[in-house]
Each structure stands twice: as structure tokens, then as C-alpha cells.
């Protein structure tokens, strides 16, 4: 009885991602890579593009707390870019 309940839970959780969600996931991975690369170069443009890409992924998954967190980082790096010009 308990084993069947866990099997049903695991099977029901699997679903296919739609085309938009798959593309958003790929864009999010690219954004994470840009954020990692930006840590070595400290280039504001890499941070800005990386945060935008990660926000696409978190927005498509409706993770609004992470969207707000990435928006904060995006504003900080835009401010840094403007002040350095």
C-alpha cells in the first residue's frame, strides 16, 4: 500500500516540458554560465546579460522570489555600469 503510494507520487510528478519552458531552461543555463564567467572578469555587461537570462528561466517557472533577487542584482550592476561611465 505504501509502496504504491510512493510510486504514484513519483510517476505523477514527471511531465514533459513545453517548448517555451525548454527554451527558458536553456537560456537560464546560459545565464548561469555568463554569471560564472563574469566573476572572473568583473565585466558589468556579463553580469547584466546573465541576470536577464536567469530571470527568463525563473519567470517561466513562476519563482517570483528568485525573479526579485535577480532583479536586485540586475539593478545593482546597471548602477555600477552607469557610475563607471
Protein backbone atom coordinates (compact mmCIF):
# COMPACT_ATOMS: atom_id res chain seq x y z
CA UNK A 1 0.00 0.00 0.00
CA UNK A 2 2.68 2.50 0.99
CA UNK A 3 4.97 1.48 -1.88
CA UNK A 4 2.18 2.04 -4.42
CA UNK A 5 1.55 5.46 -2.94
CA UNK A 6 5.21 6.47 -3.42
CA UNK A 7 5.29 5.04 -6.95
CA UNK A 8 2.20 7.00 -7.91
CA UNK A 9 3.70 10.17 -6.40
CA UNK A 10 6.91 9.76 -8.40
CA UNK A 11 5.14 8.94 -11.64
CA UNK A 12 2.67 11.81 -11.39
CA UNK A 13 5.46 14.31 -10.81
CA UNK A 14 7.02 13.58 -14.21
CA UNK A 15 5.76 15.69 -17.04
CA UNK A 16 7.11 16.89 -20.33
CA UNK A 17 8.27 20.47 -20.56
CA UNK A 18 6.71 22.60 -23.23
CA UNK A 19 8.79 24.32 -25.92
CA UNK A 20 8.79 27.65 -24.06
CA UNK A 21 9.89 26.01 -20.80
CA UNK A 22 12.67 24.08 -22.57
CA UNK A 23 13.95 27.26 -24.24
CA UNK A 24 13.72 29.18 -20.96
CA UNK A 25 15.73 26.43 -19.23
CA UNK A 26 18.45 26.64 -21.87
CA UNK A 27 18.54 30.42 -21.63
CA UNK A 28 18.79 30.11 -17.84
CA UNK A 29 21.76 27.75 -18.12
CA UNK A 30 23.45 30.19 -20.49
CA UNK A 31 22.79 32.99 -17.99
CA UNK A 32 24.30 30.95 -15.17
CA UNK A 33 27.38 30.38 -17.30
CA UNK A 34 27.64 34.11 -18.01
CA UNK A 35 27.40 34.87 -14.30
CA UNK A 36 30.22 32.41 -13.60
CA UNK A 37 32.35 33.95 -16.34
CA UNK A 38 31.59 37.43 -15.02
CA UNK A 39 33.05 36.53 -11.63
CA UNK A 40 36.48 36.13 -13.20
CA UNK A 41 36.35 39.18 -15.44
CA UNK A 42 34.16 41.53 -13.33
CA UNK A 43 32.70 42.80 -16.58
CA UNK A 44 29.35 44.52 -15.87
CA UNK A 45 27.92 43.56 -19.25
CA UNK A 46 28.31 39.86 -18.50
CA UNK A 47 26.51 40.29 -15.18
CA UNK A 48 23.67 42.25 -16.77
CA UNK A 49 23.11 39.76 -19.60
CA UNK A 50 23.49 36.84 -17.18
CA UNK A 51 20.89 38.19 -14.76
CA UNK A 52 18.45 38.84 -17.61
CA UNK A 53 18.86 35.28 -18.89
CA UNK A 54 18.39 33.75 -15.45
CA UNK A 55 15.32 35.94 -14.91
CA UNK A 56 13.77 34.44 -18.06
CA UNK A 57 14.13 30.97 -16.58
CA UNK A 58 12.87 31.86 -13.11
CA UNK A 59 9.98 33.84 -14.58
CA UNK A 60 8.89 30.94 -16.76
CA UNK A 61 8.84 28.68 -13.69
CA UNK A 62 6.97 31.33 -11.69
CA UNK A 63 9.63 31.52 -8.98
CA UNK A 64 8.92 35.13 -8.15
CA UNK A 65 11.24 35.30 -5.15
CA UNK A 66 14.19 34.46 -7.42
CA UNK A 67 12.99 36.96 -10.02
CA UNK A 68 13.04 39.66 -7.33
CA UNK A 69 16.50 38.57 -6.20
CA UNK A 70 17.87 38.64 -9.76
CA UNK A 71 16.20 41.99 -10.39
CA UNK A 72 18.05 43.39 -7.39
CA UNK A 73 21.37 42.15 -8.79
CA UNK A 74 20.49 43.50 -12.22
CA UNK A 75 19.77 46.97 -10.86
CA UNK A 76 22.99 46.93 -8.84
CA UNK A 77 25.13 46.10 -11.88
CA UNK A 78 23.32 48.62 -14.09
CA UNK A 79 24.02 51.27 -11.43
CA UNK A 80 27.68 50.19 -11.33
CA UNK A 81 27.89 50.37 -15.13
CA UNK A 82 26.34 53.84 -15.28
CA UNK A 83 28.57 55.19 -12.49
CA UNK A 84 31.71 53.83 -14.18
CA UNK A 85 30.96 55.62 -17.45
